[in-house]
Protein backbone atom coordinates (compact mmCIF):
# COMPACT_ATOMS: atom_id res chain seq x y z
CA MET A 1 110.90 111.76 92.70
CA ILE A 2 109.78 108.25 91.78
CA THR A 3 106.55 106.83 93.20
CA VAL A 4 106.58 103.18 94.26
CA ARG A 5 103.37 101.35 95.17
CA VAL A 6 103.96 99.10 98.20
CA GLY A 7 101.34 96.90 99.87
CA GLY A 8 101.10 95.07 103.16
CA VAL A 9 98.67 94.00 105.84
CA PRO A 10 97.55 96.79 108.23
CA GLU A 11 99.34 95.11 111.12
CA HIS A 12 102.18 95.80 113.53
CA PHE A 13 104.82 93.92 111.50
CA ASN A 14 104.82 96.76 108.97
CA LEU A 15 105.43 99.52 111.51
CA ALA A 16 109.05 99.74 110.29
CA TRP A 17 107.81 100.80 106.84
CA HIS A 18 105.48 103.44 108.28
CA LEU A 19 108.18 104.87 110.55
CA ALA A 20 110.55 105.12 107.59
CA ILE A 21 107.88 106.91 105.55
CA GLU A 22 106.97 109.28 108.40
CA SER A 23 110.61 110.20 109.07
CA ALA A 24 111.18 110.97 105.34
CA MET A 25 113.88 108.29 104.96
CA PHE A 26 112.56 107.43 101.48
CA ALA A 27 111.88 111.02 100.45
CA GLN A 28 115.50 111.97 101.18
CA LYS A 29 116.49 109.50 98.47
CA GLY A 30 113.94 110.83 95.97
CA ILE A 31 111.47 107.97 96.55
CA HIS A 32 107.79 108.44 97.33
CA ILE A 33 106.26 105.31 98.86
CA ASN A 34 102.55 105.05 98.09
CA TRP A 35 101.61 102.62 100.88
CA VAL A 36 98.50 100.49 100.29
CA ASP A 37 96.86 98.57 103.15
CA VAL A 38 95.75 95.11 101.99
CA PRO A 39 93.56 93.67 104.78
CA GLY A 40 92.81 90.57 102.69
CA GLY A 41 96.35 89.33 103.33
CA THR A 42 98.75 87.44 101.12
CA GLY A 43 96.18 86.00 98.71
CA ALA A 44 94.89 89.52 98.00
CA MET A 45 98.42 90.88 97.60
CA CYS A 46 99.32 88.17 95.11
CA LYS A 47 96.25 89.16 93.11
CA VAL A 48 97.15 92.85 92.96
CA LEU A 49 100.77 92.03 92.10
CA ARG A 50 99.49 89.93 89.19
CA ASN A 51 97.27 92.83 88.10
CA ASN A 52 100.20 95.29 88.29
CA GLU A 53 98.36 97.33 90.94
CA LEU A 54 101.41 97.14 93.24
CA ASP A 55 105.15 97.26 92.57
CA MET A 56 106.16 95.60 95.83
CA ALA A 57 104.44 93.72 98.66
CA ILE A 58 105.30 92.37 102.10
CA ALA A 59 103.58 89.01 102.23
CA LEU A 60 103.74 85.55 103.78
CA THR A 61 106.52 83.30 102.52
CA GLU A 62 104.39 80.23 101.82
CA GLY A 63 101.70 82.11 99.91
CA VAL A 64 104.14 84.04 97.71
CA VAL A 65 106.19 80.97 96.80
CA SER A 66 103.05 79.06 95.88
CA ASP A 67 101.64 81.90 93.77
CA ILE A 68 104.89 82.62 91.90
CA MET A 69 105.06 78.93 91.01
CA GLN A 70 101.54 79.29 89.60
CA GLY A 71 102.52 82.12 87.28
CA ASN A 72 102.66 85.31 89.35
CA PRO A 73 105.24 87.46 87.46
CA SER A 74 107.12 88.46 90.62
CA LYS A 75 110.26 87.60 92.59
CA ILE A 76 111.08 87.42 96.29
CA VAL A 77 113.82 90.00 96.85
CA GLN A 78 114.60 89.43 100.54
CA PHE A 79 113.30 88.07 103.81
CA TYR A 80 111.54 90.69 105.92
CA VAL A 81 110.79 88.87 109.20
CA ASN A 82 112.99 85.89 110.08
CA SER A 83 110.99 84.78 113.10
CA PRO A 84 108.01 82.50 112.54
CA LEU A 85 104.47 83.83 112.40
CA ARG A 86 102.49 82.65 115.39
CA TRP A 87 99.02 81.80 114.20
CA GLY A 88 96.21 81.62 116.72
CA ILE A 89 93.44 79.08 116.13
CA PHE A 90 90.16 80.80 116.94
CA VAL A 91 86.53 79.79 117.39
CA SER A 92 83.44 81.70 118.43
CA SER A 93 83.21 82.27 122.16
CA LYS A 94 79.93 80.31 121.99
CA SER A 95 81.52 77.33 120.26
CA LYS A 96 81.69 73.92 121.91
CA ILE A 97 85.10 73.34 120.30
CA LYS A 98 87.65 73.55 123.10
CA SER A 99 90.83 72.00 121.66
CA ILE A 100 92.70 71.23 118.44
CA SER A 101 91.65 67.59 118.74
CA GLN A 102 88.02 68.68 118.22
CA MET A 103 88.67 70.56 114.94
CA GLN A 104 88.03 67.59 112.67
CA GLY A 105 84.98 67.98 110.42
CA HIS A 106 84.52 71.71 111.01
CA LYS A 107 84.78 74.47 108.41
CA TYR A 108 87.65 76.97 108.25
CA ALA A 109 87.08 80.63 107.45
CA ILE A 110 89.91 81.66 105.10
CA SER A 111 90.68 84.99 103.49
CA ARG A 112 91.34 83.38 100.07
CA TYR A 113 92.55 80.11 98.65
CA LYS A 114 96.36 79.94 98.78
CA SER A 115 96.36 82.67 101.44
CA GLY A 116 98.18 82.10 104.71
CA SER A 117 94.95 81.32 106.55
CA HIS A 118 94.27 78.60 103.96
CA LEU A 119 97.75 77.10 103.74
CA MET A 120 98.39 77.11 107.49
CA ALA A 121 95.25 75.05 108.02
CA TYR A 122 97.10 72.25 106.23
CA VAL A 123 100.25 72.78 108.29
CA ASN A 124 98.26 72.54 111.52
CA ALA A 125 96.35 69.50 110.23
CA SER A 126 99.61 67.77 109.34
CA ASP A 127 101.07 68.54 112.76
CA ASN A 128 97.99 67.15 114.54
CA ASN A 129 96.94 64.22 112.29
CA LEU A 130 93.75 65.95 111.15
CA ASN A 131 92.12 65.47 107.76
CA ILE A 132 90.88 68.35 105.62
CA ASN A 133 88.44 68.03 102.73
CA HIS A 134 89.48 70.65 100.16
CA ASP A 135 85.98 70.83 98.65
CA THR A 136 83.89 71.19 101.79
CA ASP A 137 86.03 72.43 104.68
CA PHE A 138 86.72 76.04 103.63
CA GLU A 139 84.65 79.23 103.49
CA VAL A 140 86.23 82.24 101.75
CA VAL A 141 85.55 85.36 103.87
CA GLY A 142 88.00 87.95 102.54
CA ASN A 143 89.57 89.27 105.74
CA LEU A 144 89.41 89.38 109.53
CA ASP A 145 86.06 91.19 109.58
CA GLY A 146 84.66 88.56 107.22
CA ALA A 147 85.86 85.83 109.56
CA ARG A 148 84.21 87.54 112.54
CA LYS A 149 80.91 87.54 110.68
CA ALA A 150 81.30 83.93 109.49
CA LEU A 151 82.02 82.61 112.99
CA ALA A 152 79.24 84.68 114.56
CA GLU A 153 76.73 83.27 112.04
CA ASN A 154 78.20 79.72 112.21
CA ILE A 155 78.93 79.76 108.48
CA ALA A 156 82.40 78.61 109.51
CA GLN A 157 83.60 77.39 112.90
CA LEU A 158 87.39 77.83 112.77
CA PHE A 159 89.72 80.69 111.88
CA MET A 160 93.51 81.01 111.85
CA TRP A 161 95.14 84.46 111.90
CA GLU A 162 98.15 86.18 113.43
CA LYS A 163 97.79 85.74 117.17
CA TYR A 164 98.35 89.27 118.43
CA THR A 165 96.26 90.95 115.72
CA THR A 166 93.30 88.77 116.66
CA LYS A 167 93.75 88.66 120.44
CA PRO A 168 91.70 91.84 121.08
CA TYR A 169 88.66 89.84 119.92
CA VAL A 170 89.52 87.21 122.53
CA ASP A 171 89.87 89.92 125.15
CA ASN A 172 86.43 91.36 124.31
CA GLY A 173 84.75 87.94 124.49
CA GLU A 174 84.03 87.47 120.78
CA PHE A 175 86.54 84.65 120.12
CA LYS A 176 88.19 81.85 122.03
CA MET A 177 91.74 80.79 121.13
CA ILE A 178 92.01 77.00 121.29
CA GLY A 179 95.62 76.66 120.16
CA GLU A 180 98.55 78.00 118.18
CA CYS A 181 100.52 76.98 115.11
CA SER A 182 103.81 78.58 114.10
CA THR A 183 105.24 78.66 110.59
CA PRO A 184 108.33 76.43 110.37
CA TRP A 185 110.07 79.08 108.20
CA PRO A 186 110.69 82.88 108.19
CA CYS A 187 107.22 84.35 107.95
CA PHE A 188 107.39 87.49 105.77
CA VAL A 189 109.24 88.25 102.54
CA VAL A 190 109.51 91.37 100.38
CA THR A 191 108.31 90.71 96.84
CA SER A 192 108.66 92.78 93.67
CA THR A 193 106.99 92.45 90.30
CA ASN A 194 109.40 91.39 87.58
CA GLN A 195 108.56 94.56 85.68
CA PHE A 196 109.58 96.83 88.55
CA LEU A 197 112.68 94.75 89.24
CA VAL A 198 113.89 95.04 85.65
CA GLN A 199 113.05 98.71 85.21
CA HIS A 200 114.05 100.02 88.66
CA GLU A 201 116.58 97.61 90.16
CA GLN A 202 118.63 100.41 91.71
CA VAL A 203 115.55 102.00 93.30
CA LEU A 204 114.51 98.60 94.63
CA ASN A 205 117.86 98.16 96.35
CA GLU A 206 117.65 101.69 97.79
CA ILE A 207 114.23 100.82 99.24
CA LEU A 208 115.49 97.58 100.77
CA GLY A 209 118.45 99.37 102.36
CA ILE A 210 116.16 101.99 103.92
CA VAL A 211 113.69 99.40 105.22
CA ASN A 212 116.46 97.28 106.71
CA LEU A 213 117.87 100.34 108.50
CA SER A 214 114.40 101.21 109.82
CA CYS A 215 113.97 97.62 111.07
CA LEU A 216 117.35 97.77 112.83
CA VAL A 217 116.53 101.10 114.49
CA MET A 218 113.10 99.83 115.51
CA THR A 219 114.57 96.63 116.99
CA ASN A 220 116.65 98.76 119.38
CA ASN A 221 113.82 101.12 120.35
CA SER A 222 112.30 100.23 123.73
CA LYS A 223 109.28 102.45 122.98
CA VAL A 224 108.05 100.19 120.16
CA PRO A 225 105.61 98.10 122.28
CA THR A 226 103.89 101.32 123.39
CA MET A 227 103.66 102.50 119.75
CA VAL A 228 102.25 99.13 118.68
CA ALA A 229 99.66 99.22 121.47
CA GLU A 230 98.56 102.75 120.54
CA ARG A 231 98.48 102.27 116.77
CA TYR A 232 97.10 98.75 116.47
CA GLY A 233 94.83 98.33 119.47
CA ILE A 234 96.92 95.58 121.07
CA LYS A 235 97.38 95.39 124.83
CA GLU A 236 100.82 96.64 125.81
CA ASN A 237 101.74 93.36 127.53
CA ASP A 238 100.90 91.49 124.32
CA ALA A 239 102.85 94.04 122.27
CA MET A 240 105.85 93.53 124.56
CA MET A 241 105.64 89.76 124.09
CA TRP A 242 105.40 90.14 120.29
CA PHE A 243 108.37 92.53 120.27
CA LYS A 244 110.42 90.08 122.34
CA GLU A 245 109.71 87.30 119.82
CA LEU A 246 110.28 89.48 116.74
CA GLU A 247 113.36 89.06 114.53
CA TYR A 248 113.55 91.31 111.48
CA ALA A 249 115.92 90.18 108.74
CA CYS A 250 117.65 93.59 108.49
CA HIS A 251 119.69 92.60 105.41
CA GLN A 252 119.11 91.95 101.73
CA GLN A 253 121.07 88.72 101.35
CA MET A 254 119.20 85.41 101.44
CA ASN A 255 120.87 82.06 102.09
CA GLU A 256 120.64 79.22 99.57
CA LYS A 257 120.68 76.48 102.22
CA GLN A 258 117.91 78.21 104.18
CA TRP A 259 115.81 78.38 101.02
CA ASN A 260 116.40 74.70 100.29
CA ASP A 261 115.16 73.85 103.80
CA ILE A 262 112.09 76.07 103.40
CA LEU A 263 111.17 74.56 100.04
CA ALA A 264 111.57 71.03 101.41
CA ARG A 265 109.10 71.87 104.20
CA LEU A 266 106.64 73.52 101.82
CA LEU A 267 106.76 70.35 99.72
CA LYS A 268 106.22 68.18 102.81
CA PHE A 269 103.08 70.13 103.72
CA GLU A 270 101.89 69.94 100.07
CA ILE A 271 101.87 73.74 99.77
CA ILE A 272 103.95 73.25 96.62
CA ASN A 273 104.05 70.13 94.41
CA ARG A 274 107.71 70.35 93.38
CA VAL A 275 110.93 72.06 94.44
CA PRO A 276 111.62 74.95 92.04
CA GLU A 277 114.96 76.39 91.00
CA LEU A 278 115.69 79.40 93.20
CA SER A 279 115.91 81.59 90.11
CA GLU A 280 112.22 80.85 89.50
CA ILE A 281 111.08 82.43 92.75
CA CYS A 282 113.92 84.68 93.97
CA TYR A 283 115.98 87.69 92.95
CA VAL A 284 119.17 85.69 92.58
CA LYS A 285 121.55 88.64 93.09
CA ASN A 286 120.42 88.66 96.72
CA ILE A 287 121.14 84.96 97.34
CA ASP A 288 124.36 83.72 98.96
CA LEU A 289 125.05 80.58 96.97
CA VAL A 290 126.62 77.51 98.59
CA PHE A 291 129.42 75.89 96.59
């Protein structure tokens, strides 16, 4: 039995991993998944990958690409969720900010620099002709609980996070949601450290096959919205809407043209400063090359 350390956010997107673990799909193949919740999000996962505290992580596409290009010794091994992530834009329920047009000049609570909550602030600003001052417009808060505290104490006024994860705090009157911003690319990827990829390539591919099967089974299970509501504290109607919008990748192969489009958009939004070779960021054996 080999133990593999896998990290992800404690959110509904990773239910497929937990169902596979609970039904012994990994154990039947001699694999023990040591799942680690990383509430700090993609920035925190990139840090623990760099520190060799995880072997694999399920993280946001934009954050992983950016961090690998800055020296993270890891590779993207497949897409995990093909559908975009729908970010809610939140303010305190007491805030006078009522629309995206009023965001200018206010401070964003972000989990970490180069995290999704940081990078998507730039995407939303670009979409809405807003200016962001890198030196003054961000407050690092660590995670969702940190953002709740920062907005309550007016240390920051704005916060962007996955819409359905955060909506319970709208429902209880703590936040207002003033808008949405969707990623213009597949939102989650599976990432492996280079060390694990080199030493355990066959195990990695076994894991990906199991996860993709679990995603496929889950996609065809009408009981999933009820499970999401019970496990993650999301209203069942919201869970049903999320499930309707969800598209898991369900396969290991990645498309070269799709990656070229993603990288062009990341460059446009200044999330990266150059277009890398795919071999720099991806496990090339899982890429369908275009000739």
